[in-house]
C-alpha atoms as a PDB file:
ATOM      1  CA  MET A   1       0.000   0.000   0.000  1.00  0.00           C
ATOM      2  CA  GLN A   2       1.231   3.442  -0.872  1.00  0.00           C
ATOM      3  CA  ASP A   3       1.966   6.166   1.633  1.00  0.00           C
ATOM      4  CA  ARG A   4      -0.047   9.344   1.352  1.00  0.00           C
ATOM      5  CA  SER A   5       2.945  11.352   0.032  1.00  0.00           C
ATOM      6  CA  SER A   6       2.985   9.311  -3.197  1.00  0.00           C
ATOM      7  CA  GLN A   7      -0.741   9.466  -3.896  1.00  0.00           C
ATOM      8  CA  GLU A   8      -2.109  11.984  -6.369  1.00  0.00           C
ATOM      9  CA  THR A   9      -5.433  12.841  -7.896  1.00  0.00           C
ATOM     10  CA  ARG A  10      -5.679  13.832 -11.505  1.00  0.00           C
ATOM     11  CA  PHE A  11      -8.968  14.738 -13.097  1.00  0.00           C
ATOM     12  CA  MET A  12     -10.696  17.226 -15.339  1.00  0.00           C
ATOM     13  CA  SER A  13     -11.860  20.474 -13.783  1.00  0.00           C
ATOM     14  CA  GLY A  14     -13.135  23.154 -16.087  1.00  0.00           C
ATOM     15  CA  GLY A  15     -11.716  21.191 -19.023  1.00  0.00           C
ATOM     16  CA  ASN A  16      -8.147  21.267 -17.677  1.00  0.00           C
ATOM     17  CA  PRO A  17      -6.259  18.248 -16.351  1.00  0.00           C
ATOM     18  CA  LEU A  18      -4.897  18.949 -12.857  1.00  0.00           C
ATOM     19  CA  GLN A  19      -2.425  17.164 -10.622  1.00  0.00           C
ATOM     20  CA  LYS A  20      -3.192  17.231  -6.914  1.00  0.00           C
ATOM     21  CA  PRO A  21      -1.663  15.225  -4.071  1.00  0.00           C
ATOM     22  CA  ILE A  22      -4.136  13.831  -1.555  1.00  0.00           C
ATOM     23  CA  ARG A  23      -3.000  14.556   1.975  1.00  0.00           C
ATOM     24  CA  ARG A  24      -6.115  15.770   3.791  1.00  0.00           C
ATOM     25  CA  ILE A  25      -9.433  13.929   3.618  1.00  0.00           C
ATOM     26  CA  ALA A  26     -12.752  15.260   4.865  1.00  0.00           C
ATOM     27  CA  VAL A  27     -15.250  12.709   6.178  1.00  0.00           C
ATOM     28  CA  VAL A  28     -18.783  14.126   6.145  1.00  0.00           C
ATOM     29  CA  GLY A  29     -21.101  12.131   8.381  1.00  0.00           C
ATOM     30  CA  THR A  30     -19.587  10.028  11.166  1.00  0.00           C
ATOM     31  CA  GLY A  31     -22.118   7.279  11.746  1.00  0.00           C
ATOM     32  CA  VAL A  32     -20.998   3.674  11.395  1.00  0.00           C
ATOM     33  CA  ILE A  33     -19.936   4.037   7.740  1.00  0.00           C
ATOM     34  CA  GLY A  34     -18.276   7.429   8.084  1.00  0.00           C
ATOM     35  CA  ALA A  35     -16.421   6.398  11.255  1.00  0.00           C
ATOM     36  CA  SER A  36     -15.171   3.278   9.511  1.00  0.00           C
ATOM     37  CA  TRP A  37     -13.938   5.304   6.519  1.00  0.00           C
ATOM     38  CA  ALA A  38     -12.174   7.707   8.899  1.00  0.00           C
ATOM     39  CA  THR A  39     -10.426   4.776  10.572  1.00  0.00           C
ATOM     40  CA  LEU A  40      -9.213   3.444   7.237  1.00  0.00           C
ATOM     41  CA  PHE A  41      -7.932   6.821   6.036  1.00  0.00           C
ATOM     42  CA  LEU A  42      -6.054   7.343   9.308  1.00  0.00           C
ATOM     43  CA  ALA A  43      -4.561   3.850   9.019  1.00  0.00           C
ATOM     44  CA  ARG A  44      -3.275   4.767   5.561  1.00  0.00           C
ATOM     45  CA  GLY A  45      -1.463   7.824   6.880  1.00  0.00           C
ATOM     46  CA  PHE A  46      -3.808  10.663   5.908  1.00  0.00           C
ATOM     47  CA  ASP A  47      -4.830  13.700   7.879  1.00  0.00           C
ATOM     48  CA  VAL A  48      -8.573  13.345   8.446  1.00  0.00           C
ATOM     49  CA  ILE A  49     -11.008  16.079   9.384  1.00  0.00           C
ATOM     50  CA  ALA A  50     -14.489  14.838  10.199  1.00  0.00           C
ATOM     51  CA  THR A  51     -17.774  16.667  10.553  1.00  0.00           C
ATOM     52  CA  ASP A  52     -21.227  15.702  11.765  1.00  0.00           C
ATOM     53  CA  PRO A  53     -23.935  17.847  13.381  1.00  0.00           C
ATOM     54  CA  ALA A  54     -25.186  15.083  15.681  1.00  0.00           C
ATOM     55  CA  PRO A  55     -24.734  15.423  19.453  1.00  0.00           C
ATOM     56  CA  ASN A  56     -21.727  13.467  20.791  1.00  0.00           C
ATOM     57  CA  ALA A  57     -20.561  12.816  17.221  1.00  0.00           C
ATOM     58  CA  GLU A  58     -16.919  13.548  18.007  1.00  0.00           C
ATOM     59  CA  SER A  59     -16.728  11.358  21.112  1.00  0.00           C
ATOM     60  CA  ASN A  60     -18.529   8.517  19.326  1.00  0.00           C
ATOM     61  CA  LEU A  61     -16.151   8.793  16.375  1.00  0.00           C
ATOM     62  CA  ARG A  62     -13.013   8.749  18.503  1.00  0.00           C
ATOM     63  CA  ARG A  63     -14.349   5.769  20.453  1.00  0.00           C
ATOM     64  CA  TYR A  64     -14.974   3.914  17.191  1.00  0.00           C
ATOM     65  CA  VAL A  65     -11.455   4.646  15.916  1.00  0.00           C
ATOM     66  CA  ASP A  66      -9.868   3.501  19.186  1.00  0.00           C
ATOM     67  CA  THR A  67     -11.852   0.256  19.145  1.00  0.00           C
ATOM     68  CA  ALA A  68     -11.176  -0.533  15.477  1.00  0.00           C
ATOM     69  CA  TRP A  69      -7.503   0.432  15.430  1.00  0.00           C
ATOM     70  CA  GLN A  70      -5.862  -2.661  16.903  1.00  0.00           C
ATOM     71  CA  PRO A  71      -7.776  -5.225  14.808  1.00  0.00           C
ATOM     72  CA  LEU A  72      -7.029  -3.174  11.688  1.00  0.00           C
ATOM     73  CA  ALA A  73      -3.366  -3.051  12.613  1.00  0.00           C
ATOM     74  CA  THR A  74      -3.171  -6.806  12.015  1.00  0.00           C
ATOM     75  CA  LEU A  75      -3.469  -6.053   8.289  1.00  0.00           C
ATOM     76  CA  GLY A  76      -0.629  -3.533   8.492  1.00  0.00           C
ATOM     77  CA  LEU A  77      -0.528   0.232   8.945  1.00  0.00           C
ATOM     78  CA  SER A  78       1.139   2.892   6.815  1.00  0.00           C
ATOM     79  CA  PRO A  79       4.266   4.455   8.353  1.00  0.00           C
ATOM     80  CA  LYS A  80       2.484   7.734   9.123  1.00  0.00           C
ATOM     81  CA  ALA A  81      -0.698   6.110  10.425  1.00  0.00           C
ATOM     82  CA  SER A  82      -1.972   7.574  13.678  1.00  0.00           C
ATOM     83  CA  PRO A  83      -5.319   8.323  15.340  1.00  0.00           C
ATOM     84  CA  GLU A  84      -3.700  11.610  16.334  1.00  0.00           C
ATOM     85  CA  HIS A  85      -4.168  12.791  12.738  1.00  0.00           C
ATOM     86  CA  LEU A  86      -7.912  13.018  13.312  1.00  0.00           C
ATOM     87  CA  SER A  87      -9.559  16.376  13.872  1.00  0.00           C
ATOM     88  CA  PHE A  88     -13.243  17.228  14.192  1.00  0.00           C
ATOM     89  CA  THR A  89     -15.476  20.218  13.594  1.00  0.00           C
ATOM     90  CA  ALA A  90     -19.219  20.674  13.516  1.00  0.00           C
ATOM     91  CA  ASP A  91     -18.727  23.348  10.852  1.00  0.00           C
ATOM     92  CA  LEU A  92     -19.143  21.781   7.393  1.00  0.00           C
ATOM     93  CA  SER A  93     -17.443  24.639   5.536  1.00  0.00           C
ATOM     94  CA  GLN A  94     -14.458  24.519   7.847  1.00  0.00           C
ATOM     95  CA  ALA A  95     -14.088  20.780   7.368  1.00  0.00           C
ATOM     96  CA  LEU A  96     -14.117  21.112   3.581  1.00  0.00           C
ATOM     97  CA  ALA A  97     -12.070  24.278   3.111  1.00  0.00           C
ATOM     98  CA  ASP A  98      -8.719  22.495   2.649  1.00  0.00           C
ATOM     99  CA  ALA A  99      -9.883  18.995   1.756  1.00  0.00           C
ATOM    100  CA  ASP A 100      -8.077  17.189  -1.051  1.00  0.00           C
ATOM    101  CA  PHE A 101     -10.717  14.440  -1.122  1.00  0.00           C
ATOM    102  CA  VAL A 102     -14.185  14.202   0.440  1.00  0.00           C
ATOM    103  CA  GLN A 103     -15.964  11.013   1.507  1.00  0.00           C
ATOM    104  CA  GLU A 104     -19.611  11.730   2.329  1.00  0.00           C
ATOM    105  CA  SER A 105     -21.578   9.246   4.444  1.00  0.00           C
ATOM    106  CA  ALA A 106     -24.678  11.139   5.566  1.00  0.00           C
ATOM    107  CA  PRO A 107     -28.115   9.454   5.866  1.00  0.00           C
ATOM    108  CA  ASP A 108     -29.499   8.260   2.526  1.00  0.00           C
ATOM    109  CA  LEU A 109     -32.337  10.769   2.257  1.00  0.00           C
ATOM    110  CA  ARG A 110     -32.830  12.215  -1.227  1.00  0.00           C
ATOM    111  CA  GLU A 111     -33.588  15.871  -0.447  1.00  0.00           C
ATOM    112  CA  LEU A 112     -31.072  16.008   2.389  1.00  0.00           C
ATOM    113  CA  LYS A 113     -28.318  14.647   0.165  1.00  0.00           C
ATOM    114  CA  ILE A 114     -29.077  16.926  -2.786  1.00  0.00           C
ATOM    115  CA  LYS A 115     -28.870  19.945  -0.482  1.00  0.00           C
ATOM    116  CA  LEU A 116     -25.744  18.600   1.222  1.00  0.00           C
ATOM    117  CA  PHE A 117     -23.976  18.013  -2.097  1.00  0.00           C
ATOM    118  CA  SER A 118     -24.791  21.544  -3.203  1.00  0.00           C
ATOM    119  CA  GLU A 119     -23.310  22.888   0.044  1.00  0.00           C
ATOM    120  CA  MET A 120     -20.221  20.651  -0.181  1.00  0.00           C
ATOM    121  CA  ASP A 121     -19.689  21.654  -3.799  1.00  0.00           C
ATOM    122  CA  LYS A 122     -19.579  25.318  -2.815  1.00  0.00           C
ATOM    123  CA  ALA A 123     -17.278  24.795   0.182  1.00  0.00           C
ATOM    124  CA  THR A 124     -14.796  22.275  -1.279  1.00  0.00           C
ATOM    125  CA  PRO A 125     -11.822  23.374  -3.433  1.00  0.00           C
ATOM    126  CA  ALA A 126     -12.858  23.056  -7.086  1.00  0.00           C
ATOM    127  CA  ASP A 127     -10.033  20.607  -7.836  1.00  0.00           C
ATOM    128  CA  SER A 128     -11.015  18.103  -5.112  1.00  0.00           C
ATOM    129  CA  ILE A 129     -13.112  14.995  -5.706  1.00  0.00           C
ATOM    130  CA  ILE A 130     -16.328  14.573  -3.710  1.00  0.00           C
ATOM    131  CA  ALA A 131     -17.269  10.914  -3.247  1.00  0.00           C
ATOM    132  CA  SER A 132     -20.468   9.563  -1.717  1.00  0.00           C
ATOM    133  CA  SER A 133     -20.997   6.340   0.218  1.00  0.00           C
ATOM    134  CA  SER A 134     -24.662   6.359  -0.807  1.00  0.00           C
ATOM    135  CA  ALA A 135     -26.120   2.866  -0.988  1.00  0.00           C
ATOM    136  CA  GLY A 136     -29.400   3.684  -2.683  1.00  0.00           C
ATOM    137  CA  LEU A 137     -29.214   7.058  -4.428  1.00  0.00           C
ATOM    138  CA  THR A 138     -27.563   7.609  -7.796  1.00  0.00           C
ATOM    139  CA  MET A 139     -24.957  10.280  -8.401  1.00  0.00           C
ATOM    140  CA  SER A 140     -27.093  11.815 -11.170  1.00  0.00           C
ATOM    141  CA  VAL A 141     -29.575  12.685  -8.423  1.00  0.00           C
ATOM    142  CA  LEU A 142     -27.005  13.826  -5.866  1.00  0.00           C
ATOM    143  CA  GLN A 143     -25.075  16.120  -8.225  1.00  0.00           C
ATOM    144  CA  SER A 144     -28.187  17.734  -9.712  1.00  0.00           C
ATOM    145  CA  ALA A 145     -27.778  21.011  -7.790  1.00  0.00           C
ATOM    146  CA  CYS A 146     -23.967  21.245  -7.949  1.00  0.00           C
ATOM    147  CA  ASP A 147     -21.991  23.916  -9.798  1.00  0.00           C
ATOM    148  CA  HIS A 148     -19.139  21.428 -10.344  1.00  0.00           C
ATOM    149  CA  PRO A 149     -20.933  18.089 -10.822  1.00  0.00           C
ATOM    150  CA  GLU A 150     -18.052  16.726 -12.893  1.00  0.00           C
ATOM    151  CA  ARG A 151     -15.995  16.014  -9.752  1.00  0.00           C
ATOM    152  CA  CYS A 152     -18.754  14.094  -7.904  1.00  0.00           C
ATOM    153  CA  VAL A 153     -18.727  10.291  -7.850  1.00  0.00           C
ATOM    154  CA  ILE A 154     -20.176   7.361  -5.926  1.00  0.00           C
ATOM    155  CA  GLY A 155     -17.675   5.415  -3.813  1.00  0.00           C
ATOM    156  CA  HIS A 156     -20.009   2.912  -2.151  1.00  0.00           C
ATOM    157  CA  PRO A 157     -18.401   0.563   0.392  1.00  0.00           C
ATOM    158  CA  LEU A 158     -19.646  -2.509   2.172  1.00  0.00           C
ATOM    159  CA  ASN A 159     -19.858  -2.297   5.935  1.00  0.00           C
ATOM    160  CA  PRO A 160     -17.417  -1.936   7.606  1.00  0.00           C
ATOM    161  CA  PRO A 161     -15.308  -0.063   5.017  1.00  0.00           C
ATOM    162  CA  HIS A 162     -12.111  -0.292   7.067  1.00  0.00           C
ATOM    163  CA  ILE A 163     -12.238  -4.087   6.753  1.00  0.00           C
ATOM    164  CA  ILE A 164     -14.293  -5.117   3.700  1.00  0.00           C
ATOM    165  CA  PRO A 165     -12.196  -4.302   0.599  1.00  0.00           C
ATOM    166  CA  LEU A 166     -14.977  -3.812  -1.961  1.00  0.00           C
ATOM    167  CA  VAL A 167     -15.953  -0.311  -3.084  1.00  0.00           C
ATOM    168  CA  GLU A 168     -18.308   0.346  -6.006  1.00  0.00           C
ATOM    169  CA  VAL A 169     -17.379   3.354  -8.122  1.00  0.00           C
ATOM    170  CA  VAL A 170     -19.901   4.899 -10.500  1.00  0.00           C
ATOM    171  CA  GLY A 171     -20.329   8.359 -11.905  1.00  0.00           C
ATOM    172  CA  GLY A 172     -23.474  10.311 -12.621  1.00  0.00           C
ATOM    173  CA  ALA A 173     -24.680  11.848 -15.875  1.00  0.00           C
ATOM    174  CA  LYS A 174     -22.364  14.840 -15.382  1.00  0.00           C
ATOM    175  CA  THR A 175     -19.358  13.105 -13.784  1.00  0.00           C
ATOM    176  CA  SER A 176     -16.080  13.348 -15.681  1.00  0.00           C
ATOM    177  CA  PRO A 177     -14.771   9.914 -16.783  1.00  0.00           C
ATOM    178  CA  GLU A 178     -11.354  11.054 -15.526  1.00  0.00           C
ATOM    179  CA  VAL A 179     -12.797  11.523 -12.034  1.00  0.00           C
ATOM    180  CA  VAL A 180     -14.172   7.982 -12.077  1.00  0.00           C
ATOM    181  CA  GLN A 181     -10.767   6.600 -13.025  1.00  0.00           C
ATOM    182  CA  GLN A 182      -9.002   8.744 -10.446  1.00  0.00           C
ATOM    183  CA  ALA A 183     -11.373   7.563  -7.734  1.00  0.00           C
ATOM    184  CA  MET A 184     -10.676   3.971  -8.802  1.00  0.00           C
ATOM    185  CA  SER A 185      -6.923   4.588  -8.551  1.00  0.00           C
ATOM    186  CA  PHE A 186      -7.202   6.310  -5.190  1.00  0.00           C
ATOM    187  CA  TYR A 187      -9.271   3.566  -3.589  1.00  0.00           C
ATOM    188  CA  ALA A 188      -6.932   0.896  -4.964  1.00  0.00           C
ATOM    189  CA  SER A 189      -3.925   2.763  -3.559  1.00  0.00           C
ATOM    190  CA  ILE A 190      -5.299   2.513  -0.018  1.00  0.00           C
ATOM    191  CA  GLY A 191      -5.928  -1.219  -0.229  1.00  0.00           C
ATOM    192  CA  LYS A 192      -9.545  -1.251  -1.383  1.00  0.00           C
ATOM    193  CA  LYS A 193     -10.875  -3.475  -4.170  1.00  0.00           C
ATOM    194  CA  PRO A 194     -12.685  -0.975  -6.418  1.00  0.00           C
ATOM    195  CA  ILE A 195     -15.018  -2.112  -9.166  1.00  0.00           C
ATOM    196  CA  HIS A 196     -16.313   0.251 -11.852  1.00  0.00           C
ATOM    197  CA  LEU A 197     -20.026   0.160 -12.583  1.00  0.00           C
ATOM    198  CA  ARG A 198     -20.431   1.269 -16.189  1.00  0.00           C
ATOM    199  CA  LYS A 199     -23.960   2.530 -15.636  1.00  0.00           C
ATOM    200  CA  GLU A 200     -26.125   3.632 -12.739  1.00  0.00           C
ATOM    201  CA  VAL A 201     -28.592   1.166 -11.242  1.00  0.00           C
ATOM    202  CA  VAL A 202     -30.611   1.702  -8.086  1.00  0.00           C
ATOM    203  CA  GLY A 203     -28.805   0.102  -5.143  1.00  0.00           C
ATOM    204  CA  HIS A 204     -25.632  -0.357  -7.224  1.00  0.00           C
ATOM    205  CA  VAL A 205     -24.583  -4.028  -7.603  1.00  0.00           C
ATOM    206  CA  ALA A 206     -23.473  -5.593  -4.306  1.00  0.00           C
ATOM    207  CA  ASN A 207     -26.652  -4.534  -2.532  1.00  0.00           C
ATOM    208  CA  ARG A 208     -28.790  -5.817  -5.401  1.00  0.00           C
ATOM    209  CA  LEU A 209     -27.063  -9.189  -5.152  1.00  0.00           C
ATOM    210  CA  GLN A 210     -27.654  -9.222  -1.399  1.00  0.00           C
ATOM    211  CA  ALA A 211     -31.275  -8.220  -1.940  1.00  0.00           C
ATOM    212  CA  ALA A 212     -31.831 -10.995  -4.484  1.00  0.00           C
ATOM    213  CA  LEU A 213     -30.452 -13.604  -2.111  1.00  0.00           C
ATOM    214  CA  TYR A 214     -32.315 -12.249   0.905  1.00  0.00           C
ATOM    215  CA  ARG A 215     -35.600 -12.250  -0.960  1.00  0.00           C
ATOM    216  CA  GLU A 216     -35.253 -16.012  -1.379  1.00  0.00           C
ATOM    217  CA  VAL A 217     -34.109 -16.425   2.239  1.00  0.00           C
ATOM    218  CA  ALA A 218     -37.268 -14.633   3.372  1.00  0.00           C
ATOM    219  CA  TYR A 219     -39.347 -16.750   0.994  1.00  0.00           C
ATOM    220  CA  VAL A 220     -38.142 -20.139   2.237  1.00  0.00           C
ATOM    221  CA  ILE A 221     -38.694 -18.979   5.828  1.00  0.00           C
ATOM    222  CA  GLU A 222     -42.176 -17.724   4.921  1.00  0.00           C
ATOM    223  CA  GLN A 223     -42.999 -21.077   3.307  1.00  0.00           C
ATOM    224  CA  ASP A 224     -41.742 -22.912   6.407  1.00  0.00           C
ATOM    225  CA  VAL A 225     -39.124 -24.766   4.369  1.00  0.00           C
ATOM    226  CA  LEU A 226     -36.692 -24.201   7.231  1.00  0.00           C
ATOM    227  CA  ASP A 227     -36.195 -21.935  10.226  1.00  0.00           C
ATOM    228  CA  VAL A 228     -34.128 -18.755  10.480  1.00  0.00           C
ATOM    229  CA  ALA A 229     -30.998 -20.404  11.872  1.00  0.00           C
ATOM    230  CA  ALA A 230     -31.031 -23.088   9.185  1.00  0.00           C
ATOM    231  CA  ALA A 231     -31.474 -20.432   6.469  1.00  0.00           C
ATOM    232  CA  ASP A 232     -28.396 -18.608   7.757  1.00  0.00           C
ATOM    233  CA  ALA A 233     -26.473 -21.890   7.925  1.00  0.00           C
ATOM    234  CA  ALA A 234     -27.442 -22.690   4.330  1.00  0.00           C
ATOM    235  CA  VAL A 235     -25.600 -19.532   3.278  1.00  0.00           C
ATOM    236  CA  CYS A 236     -22.636 -19.161   5.641  1.00  0.00           C
ATOM    237  CA  TRP A 237     -21.717 -22.859   5.821  1.00  0.00           C
ATOM    238  CA  GLY A 238     -22.435 -23.484   2.136  1.00  0.00           C
ATOM    239  CA  PRO A 239     -21.963 -21.191  -0.859  1.00  0.00           C
ATOM    240  CA  GLY A 240     -20.926 -18.299   1.386  1.00  0.00           C
ATOM    241  CA  LEU A 241     -17.630 -20.058   2.126  1.00  0.00           C
ATOM    242  CA  ARG A 242     -16.926 -20.512  -1.575  1.00  0.00           C
ATOM    243  CA  TRP A 243     -17.975 -16.948  -2.454  1.00  0.00           C
ATOM    244  CA  GLY A 244     -15.241 -15.603  -0.202  1.00  0.00           C
ATOM    245  CA  VAL A 245     -12.700 -17.311  -2.440  1.00  0.00           C
ATOM    246  CA  MET A 246     -14.170 -16.946  -5.923  1.00  0.00           C
ATOM    247  CA  GLY A 247     -17.190 -15.294  -7.472  1.00  0.00           C
ATOM    248  CA  PRO A 248     -20.077 -17.338  -8.910  1.00  0.00           C
ATOM    249  CA  ASN A 249     -18.809 -17.304 -12.482  1.00  0.00           C
ATOM    250  CA  LEU A 250     -15.414 -18.787 -11.611  1.00  0.00           C
ATOM    251  CA  LEU A 251     -17.072 -21.256  -9.278  1.00  0.00           C
ATOM    252  CA  PHE A 252     -19.405 -22.391 -12.043  1.00  0.00           C
ATOM    253  CA  HIS A 253     -16.339 -22.672 -14.294  1.00  0.00           C
ATOM    254  CA  LEU A 254     -15.179 -25.287 -11.785  1.00  0.00           C
ATOM    255  CA  GLY A 255     -18.683 -26.732 -11.674  1.00  0.00           C
ATOM    256  CA  GLY A 256     -18.474 -27.448 -15.387  1.00  0.00           C
ATOM    257  CA  GLY A 257     -15.683 -29.949 -14.775  1.00  0.00           C
ATOM    258  CA  THR A 258     -13.169 -30.383 -17.581  1.00  0.00           C
ATOM    259  CA  GLY A 259     -15.569 -28.570 -19.900  1.00  0.00           C
ATOM    260  CA  GLY A 260     -15.433 -25.492 -17.690  1.00  0.00           C
ATOM    261  CA  ILE A 261     -17.838 -22.601 -18.041  1.00  0.00           C
ATOM    262  CA  GLN A 262     -18.730 -23.585 -21.616  1.00  0.00           C
ATOM    263  CA  ARG A 263     -20.047 -26.938 -20.406  1.00  0.00           C
ATOM    264  CA  PHE A 264     -21.827 -25.282 -17.479  1.00  0.00           C
ATOM    265  CA  MET A 265     -23.620 -22.842 -19.786  1.00  0.00           C
ATOM    266  CA  GLU A 266     -24.746 -25.686 -22.002  1.00  0.00           C
ATOM    267  CA  ARG A 267     -26.396 -27.332 -18.991  1.00  0.00           C
ATOM    268  CA  LEU A 268     -27.730 -24.110 -17.469  1.00  0.00           C
ATOM    269  CA  PRO A 269     -31.115 -23.955 -19.267  1.00  0.00           C
ATOM    270  CA  ALA A 270     -32.014 -27.459 -18.111  1.00  0.00           C
ATOM    271  CA  SER A 271     -30.604 -27.224 -14.583  1.00  0.00           C
ATOM    272  CA  MET A 272     -30.835 -23.735 -13.113  1.00  0.00           C
ATOM    273  CA  ALA A 273     -33.378 -21.957 -15.306  1.00  0.00           C
ATOM    274  CA  PRO A 274     -36.317 -23.920 -13.801  1.00  0.00           C
ATOM    275  CA  TRP A 275     -35.178 -22.802 -10.345  1.00  0.00           C
ATOM    276  CA  TRP A 276     -35.225 -19.175 -11.491  1.00  0.00           C
ATOM    277  CA  ASN A 277     -38.847 -19.589 -12.528  1.00  0.00           C
ATOM    278  CA  ASP A 278     -39.705 -20.981  -9.104  1.00  0.00           C
ATOM    279  CA  LEU A 279     -37.985 -18.322  -6.999  1.00  0.00           C
ATOM    280  CA  GLY A 280     -40.346 -16.714  -4.522  1.00  0.00           C
ATOM    281  CA  LYS A 281     -41.699 -13.232  -4.032  1.00  0.00           C
ATOM    282  CA  PRO A 282     -42.429 -13.125  -0.314  1.00  0.00           C
ATOM    283  CA  GLU A 283     -44.760 -10.609   1.231  1.00  0.00           C
ATOM    284  CA  LEU A 284     -43.036  -9.010   4.206  1.00  0.00           C
ATOM    285  CA  THR A 285     -45.974  -9.310   6.550  1.00  0.00           C
ATOM    286  CA  GLN A 286     -45.675  -8.439  10.213  1.00  0.00           C
ATOM    287  CA  LYS A 287     -45.822 -12.171  10.972  1.00  0.00           C
ATOM    288  CA  LEU A 288     -42.852 -12.924   8.694  1.00  0.00           C
ATOM    289  CA  LYS A 289     -40.841 -10.006  10.040  1.00  0.00           C
ATOM    290  CA  GLN A 290     -41.465 -11.135  13.621  1.00  0.00           C
ATOM    291  CA  THR A 291     -40.500 -14.719  12.737  1.00  0.00           C
ATOM    292  CA  ILE A 292     -37.172 -13.477  11.368  1.00  0.00           C
ATOM    293  CA  ILE A 293     -36.612 -11.177  14.353  1.00  0.00           C
ATOM    294  CA  ASP A 294     -37.310 -13.951  16.851  1.00  0.00           C
ATOM    295  CA  GLY A 295     -35.137 -16.471  15.034  1.00  0.00           C
ATOM    296  CA  THR A 296     -32.256 -14.030  14.709  1.00  0.00           C
ATOM    297  CA  LEU A 297     -32.338 -13.036  18.382  1.00  0.00           C
ATOM    298  CA  GLU A 298     -32.406 -16.715  19.317  1.00  0.00           C
ATOM    299  CA  GLN A 299     -29.243 -17.252  17.271  1.00  0.00           C
ATOM    300  CA  ALA A 300     -27.540 -14.251  18.855  1.00  0.00           C
ATOM    301  CA  GLY A 301     -28.279 -15.547  22.340  1.00  0.00           C
ATOM    302  CA  ASP A 302     -26.652 -13.413  25.016  1.00  0.00           C
ATOM    303  CA  ARG A 303     -24.136 -11.885  22.591  1.00  0.00           C
ATOM    304  CA  SER A 304     -24.554  -8.143  22.064  1.00  0.00           C
ATOM    305  CA  VAL A 305     -24.462  -6.485  18.657  1.00  0.00           C
ATOM    306  CA  GLU A 306     -20.964  -5.227  19.533  1.00  0.00           C
ATOM    307  CA  GLN A 307     -19.796  -8.751  20.409  1.00  0.00           C
ATOM    308  CA  LEU A 308     -21.204 -10.150  17.179  1.00  0.00           C
ATOM    309  CA  ALA A 309     -19.496  -7.379  15.209  1.00  0.00           C
ATOM    310  CA  ARG A 310     -16.156  -8.230  16.836  1.00  0.00           C
ATOM    311  CA  GLU A 311     -16.637 -11.913  15.968  1.00  0.00           C
ATOM    312  CA  ARG A 312     -17.457 -11.002  12.366  1.00  0.00           C
ATOM    313  CA  ASP A 313     -14.513  -8.634  12.014  1.00  0.00           C
ATOM    314  CA  GLU A 314     -12.016 -11.060  13.554  1.00  0.00           C
ATOM    315  CA  MET A 315     -13.030 -13.835  11.182  1.00  0.00           C
ATOM    316  CA  VAL A 316     -13.116 -11.572   8.132  1.00  0.00           C
ATOM    317  CA  LEU A 317      -9.687 -10.122   8.967  1.00  0.00           C
ATOM    318  CA  GLY A 318      -8.300 -13.626   9.320  1.00  0.00           C
ATOM    319  CA  PHE A 319      -9.741 -14.585   5.948  1.00  0.00           C
ATOM    320  CA  ILE A 320      -8.319 -11.447   4.298  1.00  0.00           C
ATOM    321  CA  ARG A 321      -4.880 -12.287   5.689  1.00  0.00           C
ATOM    322  CA  LEU A 322      -5.238 -15.789   4.260  1.00  0.00           C
ATOM    323  CA  ARG A 323      -6.219 -14.415   0.841  1.00  0.00           C
ATOM    324  CA  ARG A 324      -3.237 -12.056   0.876  1.00  0.00           C
ATOM    325  CA  LYS A 325      -0.916 -14.931   1.714  1.00  0.00           C
ATOM    326  CA  ALA A 326      -2.341 -16.972  -1.166  1.00  0.00           C
ATOM    327  CA  ALA A 327      -1.998 -14.017  -3.561  1.00  0.00           C
ATOM    328  CA  GLN A 328       1.640 -13.532  -2.545  1.00  0.00           C
ATOM    329  CA  ALA A 329       2.336 -17.217  -3.119  1.00  0.00           C
ATOM    330  CA  GLN A 330       0.752 -17.049  -6.569  1.00  0.00           C
ATOM    331  CA  ALA A 331       2.757 -13.942  -7.430  1.00  0.00           C
ATOM    332  CA  SER A 332       6.018 -15.603  -6.401  1.00  0.00           C
ATOM    333  CA  GLN A 333       5.228 -18.624  -8.581  1.00  0.00           C
ATOM    334  CA  ALA A 334       4.327 -16.559 -11.640  1.00  0.00           C
ATOM    335  CA  PRO A 335       7.919 -15.818 -12.827  1.00  0.00           C
ATOM    336  CA  SER A 336       8.871 -19.507 -12.754  1.00  0.00           C
ATOM    337  CA  VAL A 337       5.716 -20.406 -14.712  1.00  0.00           C
ATOM    338  CA  ARG A 338       6.536 -17.776 -17.368  1.00  0.00           C
ATOM    339  CA  SER A 339      10.132 -19.004 -17.629  1.00  0.00           C
ATOM    340  CA  ARG A 340       8.969 -22.596 -18.157  1.00  0.00           C
ATOM    341  CA  LYS A 341       6.631 -21.461 -20.943  1.00  0.00           C
ATOM    342  CA  LYS A 342       9.451 -19.615 -22.692  1.00  0.00           C
ATOM    343  CA  ALA A 343      11.640 -22.718 -22.414  1.00  0.00           C
END
């Protein structure tokens, strides 16, 4: 991972390409997502100034950073990483005045966000990118009242951003393609796994995939096929384990045997297509919601939400370390493979 001194943004502003080092990042909104982003940016050696109008926002943010710091350190910290590089102000304009990059994570309310983006656009230096963590709103909507919409882009993470590598990057109708690419480069430079969505869709992609799966989870519970705990087990002890290693397309490439994905696609109409036609559309009645609530609380037992989050994060961090180790092993083997091919 690069240190902050070697990171630069380059994008189009007013038709002119500009070079700008990123040293100071403004985090707007310090709920769970914003606090997690702040932790990651601090761990990568940036100066972070955060802002949130909520009561106790600063104390809650600093508590979050302190709690998340040691587990994150197991993945490695940049040389200049320090929680001491965090500052806080309730004044939005002050937070943005010298920001080289902005990561907005305010509540996903349409009118609130449109107004907020207009205010951020006026207060942020014109050559700084403004990224949004929005999970459900498109950038075309958010940038609609901005004077400089070309520098606004979605950078949607999965929770918690300081641990889960994925970030979805997508521009709006008025976003400069150069800004999209620069956002991709920036996120990659701090250890994220950015993917570029070539067009806007409501909910982006990862959330739509989660929604599709959860619709069927709710359906099989509604139909009394199995209980809540068994539905969770069907995911986390089954395909969920494989999905952490490879995506569905590569996995189905393996599923095709020696014929690979070509063979799998030949069999797909006869095997999986009938299942698609039978997938459910559950009605989220109060009874179904209460069934899921009761079953989930039974699974949690006497563990608090905070305890469950620590369990999740510890396991995910361990898996990420394992994936890194495997990637390093593959990289070290690559030169010998190339040399054998040349021979």
